[in-house]
């Protein structure tokens, strides 16, 4: 029984070390992400060109929506009302 306990303990230690390595790796990624967030410019200071350069899929999606006549800005009607009556 002592051998079985020793084997179980060895496996538990090995699993704990593997978990620690994974957690340390994830912490490094999170620290990197946090640093990026802290050094990023405020959203209000970004230009449309900069956003499109960072995420070209946004431009593609906007072109698709405009070409289908489905372009609406979320929350626009609530903030400014429906101007189609004019």
PDB file of N, CA and C in Angstrom:
ATOM      1  N   UNK A   1       0.819  -1.202   0.000  1.00  0.00           N
ATOM      2  CA  UNK A   1       0.000   0.000   0.000  1.00  0.00           C
ATOM      3  C   UNK A   1       0.861   1.263   0.000  1.00  0.00           C
ATOM      4  N   UNK A   2       2.003   1.200   0.617  1.00  0.00           N
ATOM      5  CA  UNK A   2       2.889   2.357   0.663  1.00  0.00           C
ATOM      6  C   UNK A   2       3.380   2.690  -0.748  1.00  0.00           C
ATOM      7  N   UNK A   3       3.640   1.635  -1.543  1.00  0.00           N
ATOM      8  CA  UNK A   3       4.079   1.871  -2.923  1.00  0.00           C
ATOM      9  C   UNK A   3       2.980   2.572  -3.720  1.00  0.00           C
ATOM     10  N   UNK A   4       1.745   2.161  -3.481  1.00  0.00           N
ATOM     11  CA  UNK A   4       0.624   2.776  -4.194  1.00  0.00           C
ATOM     12  C   UNK A   4       0.495   4.247  -3.793  1.00  0.00           C
ATOM     13  N   UNK A   5       0.658   4.532  -2.507  1.00  0.00           N
ATOM     14  CA  UNK A   5       0.597   5.918  -2.041  1.00  0.00           C
ATOM     15  C   UNK A   5       1.736   6.747  -2.628  1.00  0.00           C
ATOM     16  N   UNK A   6       2.932   6.164  -2.675  1.00  0.00           N
ATOM     17  CA  UNK A   6       4.069   6.872  -3.252  1.00  0.00           C
ATOM     18  C   UNK A   6       3.839   7.172  -4.733  1.00  0.00           C
ATOM     19  N   UNK A   7       3.283   6.189  -5.440  1.00  0.00           N
ATOM     20  CA  UNK A   7       2.996   6.382  -6.860  1.00  0.00           C
ATOM     21  C   UNK A   7       1.934   7.465  -7.045  1.00  0.00           C
ATOM     22  N   UNK A   8       0.899   7.448  -6.194  1.00  0.00           N
ATOM     23  CA  UNK A   8      -0.150   8.458  -6.258  1.00  0.00           C
ATOM     24  C   UNK A   8       0.415   9.846  -5.960  1.00  0.00           C
ATOM     25  N   UNK A   9       1.270   9.929  -4.961  1.00  0.00           N
ATOM     26  CA  UNK A   9       1.878  11.206  -4.585  1.00  0.00           C
ATOM     27  C   UNK A   9       2.761  11.739  -5.718  1.00  0.00           C
ATOM     28  N   UNK A  10       3.509  10.855  -6.354  1.00  0.00           N
ATOM     29  CA  UNK A  10       4.373  11.258  -7.462  1.00  0.00           C
ATOM     30  C   UNK A  10       3.535  11.791  -8.622  1.00  0.00           C
ATOM     31  N   UNK A  11       2.428  11.123  -8.901  1.00  0.00           N
ATOM     32  CA  UNK A  11       1.542  11.571  -9.980  1.00  0.00           C
ATOM     33  C   UNK A  11       0.901  12.911  -9.619  1.00  0.00           C
ATOM     34  N   UNK A  12       0.512  13.066  -8.359  1.00  0.00           N
ATOM     35  CA  UNK A  12      -0.092  14.323  -7.919  1.00  0.00           C
ATOM     36  C   UNK A  12       0.905  15.476  -8.019  1.00  0.00           C
ATOM     37  N   UNK A  13       2.137  15.226  -7.630  1.00  0.00           N
ATOM     38  CA  UNK A  13       3.172  16.259  -7.720  1.00  0.00           C
ATOM     39  C   UNK A  13       3.430  16.628  -9.176  1.00  0.00           C
ATOM     40  N   UNK A  14       3.468  15.631 -10.037  1.00  0.00           N
ATOM     41  CA  UNK A  14       3.689  15.875 -11.461  1.00  0.00           C
ATOM     42  C   UNK A  14       2.546  16.707 -12.050  1.00  0.00           C
ATOM     43  N   UNK A  15       1.314  16.356 -11.696  1.00  0.00           N
ATOM     44  CA  UNK A  15       0.147  17.108 -12.185  1.00  0.00           C
ATOM     45  C   UNK A  15       0.167  18.536 -11.659  1.00  0.00           C
ATOM     46  N   UNK A  16       0.549  18.713 -10.402  1.00  0.00           N
ATOM     47  CA  UNK A  16       0.618  20.050  -9.817  1.00  0.00           C
ATOM     48  C   UNK A  16       1.667  20.897 -10.523  1.00  0.00           C
ATOM     49  N   UNK A  17       2.803  20.313 -10.846  1.00  0.00           N
ATOM     50  CA  UNK A  17       3.855  21.060 -11.542  1.00  0.00           C
ATOM     51  C   UNK A  17       3.405  21.465 -12.944  1.00  0.00           C
ATOM     52  N   UNK A  18       2.712  20.553 -13.631  1.00  0.00           N
ATOM     53  CA  UNK A  18       2.200  20.871 -14.963  1.00  0.00           C
ATOM     54  C   UNK A  18       1.175  21.997 -14.887  1.00  0.00           C
ATOM     55  N   UNK A  19       0.304  21.931 -13.890  1.00  0.00           N
ATOM     56  CA  UNK A  19      -0.702  22.975 -13.704  1.00  0.00           C
ATOM     57  C   UNK A  19      -0.036  24.310 -13.396  1.00  0.00           C
ATOM     58  N   UNK A  20       0.990  24.287 -12.561  1.00  0.00           N
ATOM     59  CA  UNK A  20       1.707  25.516 -12.218  1.00  0.00           C
ATOM     60  C   UNK A  20       2.326  26.132 -13.460  1.00  0.00           C
ATOM     61  N   UNK A  21       2.896  25.314 -14.330  1.00  0.00           N
ATOM     62  CA  UNK A  21       3.496  25.824 -15.555  1.00  0.00           C
ATOM     63  C   UNK A  21       2.441  26.475 -16.449  1.00  0.00           C
ATOM     64  N   UNK A  22       1.271  25.836 -16.564  1.00  0.00           N
ATOM     65  CA  UNK A  22       0.194  26.387 -17.380  1.00  0.00           C
ATOM     66  C   UNK A  22      -0.304  27.710 -16.806  1.00  0.00           C
ATOM     67  N   UNK A  23      -0.450  27.770 -15.500  1.00  0.00           N
ATOM     68  CA  UNK A  23      -0.925  28.991 -14.843  1.00  0.00           C
ATOM     69  C   UNK A  23       0.101  30.117 -15.023  1.00  0.00           C
ATOM     70  N   UNK A  24       1.383  29.792 -14.867  1.00  0.00           N
ATOM     71  CA  UNK A  24       2.426  30.798 -15.055  1.00  0.00           C
ATOM     72  C   UNK A  24       2.412  31.341 -16.484  1.00  0.00           C
ATOM     73  N   UNK A  25       2.205  30.460 -17.439  1.00  0.00           N
ATOM     74  CA  UNK A  25       2.156  30.863 -18.838  1.00  0.00           C
ATOM     75  C   UNK A  25       0.953  31.780 -19.092  1.00  0.00           C
ATOM     76  N   UNK A  26      -0.183  31.410 -18.517  1.00  0.00           N
ATOM     77  CA  UNK A  26      -1.388  32.221 -18.679  1.00  0.00           C
ATOM     78  C   UNK A  26      -1.219  33.581 -17.996  1.00  0.00           C
ATOM     79  N   UNK A  27      -0.568  33.601 -16.844  1.00  0.00           N
ATOM     80  CA  UNK A  27      -0.307  34.863 -16.155  1.00  0.00           C
ATOM     81  C   UNK A  27       0.558  35.795 -17.004  1.00  0.00           C
ATOM     82  N   UNK A  28       1.556  35.232 -17.671  1.00  0.00           N
ATOM     83  CA  UNK A  28       2.408  36.046 -18.543  1.00  0.00           C
ATOM     84  C   UNK A  28       1.579  36.657 -19.668  1.00  0.00           C
ATOM     85  N   UNK A  29       0.681  35.852 -20.261  1.00  0.00           N
ATOM     86  CA  UNK A  29      -0.177  36.362 -21.327  1.00  0.00           C
ATOM     87  C   UNK A  29      -1.095  37.468 -20.806  1.00  0.00           C
ATOM     88  N   UNK A  30      -1.653  37.261 -19.621  1.00  0.00           N
ATOM     89  CA  UNK A  30      -2.544  38.265 -19.046  1.00  0.00           C
ATOM     90  C   UNK A  30      -1.805  39.553 -18.708  1.00  0.00           C
ATOM     91  N   UNK A  31      -0.578  39.432 -18.211  1.00  0.00           N
ATOM     92  CA  UNK A  31       0.224  40.623 -17.915  1.00  0.00           C
ATOM     93  C   UNK A  31       0.533  41.392 -19.197  1.00  0.00           C
ATOM     94  N   UNK A  32       0.829  40.661 -20.261  1.00  0.00           N
ATOM     95  CA  UNK A  32       1.095  41.287 -21.553  1.00  0.00           C
ATOM     96  C   UNK A  32      -0.160  42.010 -22.055  1.00  0.00           C
ATOM     97  N   UNK A  33      -1.305  41.366 -21.921  1.00  0.00           N
ATOM     98  CA  UNK A  33      -2.564  41.976 -22.335  1.00  0.00           C
ATOM     99  C   UNK A  33      -2.860  43.224 -21.525  1.00  0.00           C
ATOM    100  N   UNK A  34      -2.651  43.147 -20.216  1.00  0.00           N
ATOM    101  CA  UNK A  34      -2.889  44.295 -19.342  1.00  0.00           C
ATOM    102  C   UNK A  34      -1.978  45.458 -19.719  1.00  0.00           C
ATOM    103  N   UNK A  35      -0.727  45.156 -20.023  1.00  0.00           N
ATOM    104  CA  UNK A  35       0.207  46.205 -20.418  1.00  0.00           C
ATOM    105  C   UNK A  35      -0.255  46.862 -21.714  1.00  0.00           C
ATOM    106  N   UNK A  36      -0.738  46.059 -22.658  1.00  0.00           N
ATOM    107  CA  UNK A  36      -1.266  46.603 -23.913  1.00  0.00           C
ATOM    108  C   UNK A  36      -2.462  47.514 -23.665  1.00  0.00           C
ATOM    109  N   UNK A  37      -3.329  47.100 -22.754  1.00  0.00           N
ATOM    110  CA  UNK A  37      -4.513  47.901 -22.440  1.00  0.00           C
ATOM    111  C   UNK A  37      -4.106  49.225 -21.801  1.00  0.00           C
ATOM    112  N   UNK A  38      -3.170  49.159 -20.876  1.00  0.00           N
ATOM    113  CA  UNK A  38      -2.750  50.365 -20.167  1.00  0.00           C
ATOM    114  C   UNK A  38      -2.039  51.361 -21.080  1.00  0.00           C
ATOM    115  N   UNK A  39      -1.321  50.871 -22.081  1.00  0.00           N
ATOM    116  CA  UNK A  39      -0.573  51.767 -22.965  1.00  0.00           C
ATOM    117  C   UNK A  39      -1.360  52.156 -24.216  1.00  0.00           C
ATOM    118  N   UNK A  40      -2.541  51.603 -24.382  1.00  0.00           N
ATOM    119  CA  UNK A  40      -3.336  51.909 -25.573  1.00  0.00           C
ATOM    120  C   UNK A  40      -3.918  53.316 -25.486  1.00  0.00           C
ATOM    121  N   UNK A  41      -4.110  53.900 -26.656  1.00  0.00           N
ATOM    122  CA  UNK A  41      -4.748  55.218 -26.689  1.00  0.00           C
ATOM    123  C   UNK A  41      -6.235  55.063 -26.420  1.00  0.00           C
ATOM    124  N   UNK A  42      -6.857  56.117 -25.907  1.00  0.00           N
ATOM    125  CA  UNK A  42      -8.315  56.050 -25.693  1.00  0.00           C
ATOM    126  C   UNK A  42      -9.048  55.846 -27.017  1.00  0.00           C
ATOM    127  N   UNK A  43     -10.173  55.175 -26.940  1.00  0.00           N
ATOM    128  CA  UNK A  43     -10.960  54.866 -28.127  1.00  0.00           C
ATOM    129  C   UNK A  43     -11.346  56.143 -28.870  1.00  0.00           C
ATOM    130  N   UNK A  44     -11.631  57.194 -28.129  1.00  0.00           N
ATOM    131  CA  UNK A  44     -12.063  58.447 -28.742  1.00  0.00           C
ATOM    132  C   UNK A  44     -10.967  59.064 -29.622  1.00  0.00           C
ATOM    133  N   UNK A  45      -9.710  58.747 -29.353  1.00  0.00           N
ATOM    134  CA  UNK A  45      -8.594  59.317 -30.110  1.00  0.00           C
ATOM    135  C   UNK A  45      -8.264  58.547 -31.382  1.00  0.00           C
ATOM    136  N   UNK A  46      -8.889  57.396 -31.579  1.00  0.00           N
ATOM    137  CA  UNK A  46      -8.598  56.593 -32.771  1.00  0.00           C
ATOM    138  C   UNK A  46      -9.326  57.153 -33.981  1.00  0.00           C
ATOM    139  N   UNK A  47      -8.694  57.012 -35.133  1.00  0.00           N
ATOM    140  CA  UNK A  47      -9.346  57.406 -36.380  1.00  0.00           C
ATOM    141  C   UNK A  47      -9.941  56.167 -37.040  1.00  0.00           C
ATOM    142  N   UNK A  48     -10.819  56.398 -37.978  1.00  0.00           N
ATOM    143  CA  UNK A  48     -11.440  55.284 -38.704  1.00  0.00           C
ATOM    144  C   UNK A  48     -10.370  54.482 -39.438  1.00  0.00           C
ATOM    145  N   UNK A  49      -9.414  55.179 -40.027  1.00  0.00           N
ATOM    146  CA  UNK A  49      -8.346  54.496 -40.768  1.00  0.00           C
ATOM    147  C   UNK A  49      -7.534  53.579 -39.853  1.00  0.00           C
ATOM    148  N   UNK A  50      -7.279  54.013 -38.625  1.00  0.00           N
ATOM    149  CA  UNK A  50      -6.517  53.191 -37.690  1.00  0.00           C
ATOM    150  C   UNK A  50      -7.305  51.945 -37.272  1.00  0.00           C
ATOM    151  N   UNK A  51      -8.600  52.121 -37.079  1.00  0.00           N
ATOM    152  CA  UNK A  51      -9.439  50.974 -36.708  1.00  0.00           C
ATOM    153  C   UNK A  51      -9.495  49.976 -37.854  1.00  0.00           C
ATOM    154  N   UNK A  52      -9.653  50.471 -39.064  1.00  0.00           N
ATOM    155  CA  UNK A  52      -9.713  49.583 -40.234  1.00  0.00           C
ATOM    156  C   UNK A  52      -8.377  48.884 -40.450  1.00  0.00           C
ATOM    157  N   UNK A  53      -7.274  49.591 -40.180  1.00  0.00           N
ATOM    158  CA  UNK A  53      -5.959  48.960 -40.320  1.00  0.00           C
ATOM    159  C   UNK A  53      -5.786  47.833 -39.309  1.00  0.00           C
ATOM    160  N   UNK A  54      -6.335  48.027 -38.115  1.00  0.00           N
ATOM    161  CA  UNK A  54      -6.218  47.000 -37.081  1.00  0.00           C
ATOM    162  C   UNK A  54      -7.167  45.834 -37.330  1.00  0.00           C
ATOM    163  N   UNK A  55      -8.351  46.128 -37.850  1.00  0.00           N
ATOM    164  CA  UNK A  55      -9.356  45.095 -38.092  1.00  0.00           C
ATOM    165  C   UNK A  55      -9.959  45.266 -39.484  1.00  0.00           C
ATOM    166  N   UNK A  56      -9.286  44.770 -40.528  1.00  0.00           N
ATOM    167  CA  UNK A  56      -9.788  44.938 -41.899  1.00  0.00           C
ATOM    168  C   UNK A  56     -11.152  44.282 -42.128  1.00  0.00           C
ATOM    169  N   UNK A  57     -11.497  43.307 -41.310  1.00  0.00           N
ATOM    170  CA  UNK A  57     -12.792  42.642 -41.464  1.00  0.00           C
ATOM    171  C   UNK A  57     -13.952  43.599 -41.208  1.00  0.00           C
ATOM    172  N   UNK A  58     -13.734  44.637 -40.410  1.00  0.00           N
ATOM    173  CA  UNK A  58     -14.791  45.618 -40.145  1.00  0.00           C
ATOM    174  C   UNK A  58     -15.141  46.348 -41.439  1.00  0.00           C
ATOM    175  N   UNK A  59     -14.134  46.768 -42.178  1.00  0.00           N
ATOM    176  CA  UNK A  59     -14.363  47.479 -43.431  1.00  0.00           C
ATOM    177  C   UNK A  59     -15.111  46.602 -44.426  1.00  0.00           C
ATOM    178  N   UNK A  60     -14.719  45.348 -44.500  1.00  0.00           N
ATOM    179  CA  UNK A  60     -15.383  44.404 -45.404  1.00  0.00           C
ATOM    180  C   UNK A  60     -16.848  44.245 -45.035  1.00  0.00           C
ATOM    181  N   UNK A  61     -17.117  44.106 -43.744  1.00  0.00           N
ATOM    182  CA  UNK A  61     -18.493  43.925 -43.271  1.00  0.00           C
ATOM    183  C   UNK A  61     -19.338  45.171 -43.537  1.00  0.00           C
ATOM    184  N   UNK A  62     -18.764  46.343 -43.326  1.00  0.00           N
ATOM    185  CA  UNK A  62     -19.488  47.584 -43.589  1.00  0.00           C
ATOM    186  C   UNK A  62     -19.828  47.686 -45.072  1.00  0.00           C
ATOM    187  N   UNK A  63     -18.881  47.350 -45.926  1.00  0.00           N
ATOM    188  CA  UNK A  63     -19.141  47.391 -47.370  1.00  0.00           C
ATOM    189  C   UNK A  63     -20.278  46.449 -47.748  1.00  0.00           C
ATOM    190  N   UNK A  64     -20.311  45.258 -47.153  1.00  0.00           N
ATOM    191  CA  UNK A  64     -21.392  44.308 -47.429  1.00  0.00           C
ATOM    192  C   UNK A  64     -22.739  44.879 -47.002  1.00  0.00           C
ATOM    193  N   UNK A  65     -22.794  45.428 -45.801  1.00  0.00           N
ATOM    194  CA  UNK A  65     -24.055  45.962 -45.293  1.00  0.00           C
ATOM    195  C   UNK A  65     -24.542  47.155 -46.114  1.00  0.00           C
ATOM    196  N   UNK A  66     -23.630  48.042 -46.482  1.00  0.00           N
ATOM    197  CA  UNK A  66     -24.011  49.216 -47.265  1.00  0.00           C
ATOM    198  C   UNK A  66     -24.504  48.794 -48.637  1.00  0.00           C
ATOM    199  N   UNK A  67     -23.834  47.833 -49.246  1.00  0.00           N
ATOM    200  CA  UNK A  67     -24.234  47.393 -50.580  1.00  0.00           C
ATOM    201  C   UNK A  67     -25.619  46.745 -50.567  1.00  0.00           C
ATOM    202  N   UNK A  68     -26.015  46.161 -49.439  1.00  0.00           N
ATOM    203  CA  UNK A  68     -27.341  45.550 -49.313  1.00  0.00           C
ATOM    204  C   UNK A  68     -28.372  46.531 -48.773  1.00  0.00           C
ATOM    205  N   UNK A  69     -27.933  47.751 -48.478  1.00  0.00           N
ATOM    206  CA  UNK A  69     -28.854  48.755 -47.955  1.00  0.00           C
ATOM    207  C   UNK A  69     -29.276  48.493 -46.521  1.00  0.00           C
ATOM    208  N   UNK A  70     -28.487  47.772 -45.783  1.00  0.00           N
ATOM    209  CA  UNK A  70     -28.848  47.411 -44.414  1.00  0.00           C
ATOM    210  C   UNK A  70     -28.058  48.195 -43.375  1.00  0.00           C
ATOM    211  N   UNK A  71     -27.404  49.242 -43.759  1.00  0.00           N
ATOM    212  CA  UNK A  71     -26.526  49.929 -42.811  1.00  0.00           C
ATOM    213  C   UNK A  71     -27.326  50.803 -41.860  1.00  0.00           C
ATOM    214  N   UNK A  72     -27.247  50.492 -40.585  1.00  0.00           N
ATOM    215  CA  UNK A  72     -27.834  51.310 -39.530  1.00  0.00           C
ATOM    216  C   UNK A  72     -26.880  51.310 -38.354  1.00  0.00           C
ATOM    217  N   UNK A  73     -26.728  52.445 -37.735  1.00  0.00           N
ATOM    218  CA  UNK A  73     -25.862  52.549 -36.577  1.00  0.00           C
ATOM    219  C   UNK A  73     -26.680  52.162 -35.348  1.00  0.00           C
ATOM    220  N   UNK A  74     -26.216  51.165 -34.572  1.00  0.00           N
ATOM    221  CA  UNK A  74     -26.978  50.759 -33.384  1.00  0.00           C
ATOM    222  C   UNK A  74     -27.138  51.918 -32.409  1.00  0.00           C
ATOM    223  N   UNK A  75     -28.364  52.126 -31.956  1.00  0.00           N
ATOM    224  CA  UNK A  75     -28.641  53.165 -30.973  1.00  0.00           C
ATOM    225  C   UNK A  75     -28.881  54.539 -31.568  1.00  0.00           C
ATOM    226  N   UNK A  76     -28.747  54.680 -32.883  1.00  0.00           N
ATOM    227  CA  UNK A  76     -28.905  56.001 -33.509  1.00  0.00           C
ATOM    228  C   UNK A  76     -30.332  56.515 -33.366  1.00  0.00           C
ATOM    229  N   UNK A  77     -31.317  55.668 -33.678  1.00  0.00           N
ATOM    230  CA  UNK A  77     -32.721  56.100 -33.604  1.00  0.00           C
ATOM    231  C   UNK A  77     -33.109  56.468 -32.179  1.00  0.00           C
ATOM    232  N   UNK A  78     -32.596  55.710 -31.209  1.00  0.00           N
ATOM    233  CA  UNK A  78     -32.918  55.998 -29.826  1.00  0.00           C
ATOM    234  C   UNK A  78     -32.363  57.348 -29.386  1.00  0.00           C
ATOM    235  N   UNK A  79     -31.191  57.687 -29.913  1.00  0.00           N
ATOM    236  CA  UNK A  79     -30.525  58.930 -29.486  1.00  0.00           C
ATOM    237  C   UNK A  79     -31.032  60.149 -30.262  1.00  0.00           C
ATOM    238  N   UNK A  80     -31.235  59.990 -31.589  1.00  0.00           N
ATOM    239  CA  UNK A  80     -31.577  61.128 -32.427  1.00  0.00           C
ATOM    240  C   UNK A  80     -32.982  61.069 -33.013  1.00  0.00           C
ATOM    241  N   UNK A  81     -33.674  59.988 -32.796  1.00  0.00           N
ATOM    242  CA  UNK A  81     -35.020  59.864 -33.356  1.00  0.00           C
ATOM    243  C   UNK A  81     -34.991  59.386 -34.794  1.00  0.00           C
ATOM    244  N   UNK A  82     -36.160  59.117 -35.332  1.00  0.00           N
ATOM    245  CA  UNK A  82     -36.301  58.638 -36.704  1.00  0.00           C
ATOM    246  C   UNK A  82     -36.465  59.825 -37.633  1.00  0.00           C
ATOM    247  N   UNK A  83     -35.456  60.095 -38.455  1.00  0.00           N
ATOM    248  CA  UNK A  83     -35.486  61.237 -39.349  1.00  0.00           C
ATOM    249  C   UNK A  83     -36.091  60.903 -40.709  1.00  0.00           C
ATOM    250  N   UNK A  84     -36.519  59.674 -40.902  1.00  0.00           N
ATOM    251  CA  UNK A  84     -37.071  59.281 -42.191  1.00  0.00           C
ATOM    252  C   UNK A  84     -38.438  59.940 -42.430  1.00  0.00           C
ATOM    253  N   UNK A  85     -39.083  60.431 -41.370  1.00  0.00           N
ATOM    254  CA  UNK A  85     -40.378  61.099 -41.514  1.00  0.00           C
ATOM    255  C   UNK A  85     -40.219  62.417 -42.232  1.00  0.00           C
ATOM    256  N   UNK A  86     -39.065  63.068 -42.034  1.00  0.00           N
ATOM    257  CA  UNK A  86     -38.819  64.351 -42.685  1.00  0.00           C
ATOM    258  C   UNK A  86     -38.659  64.102 -44.144  1.00  0.00           C
TER     259      UNK A  86
END
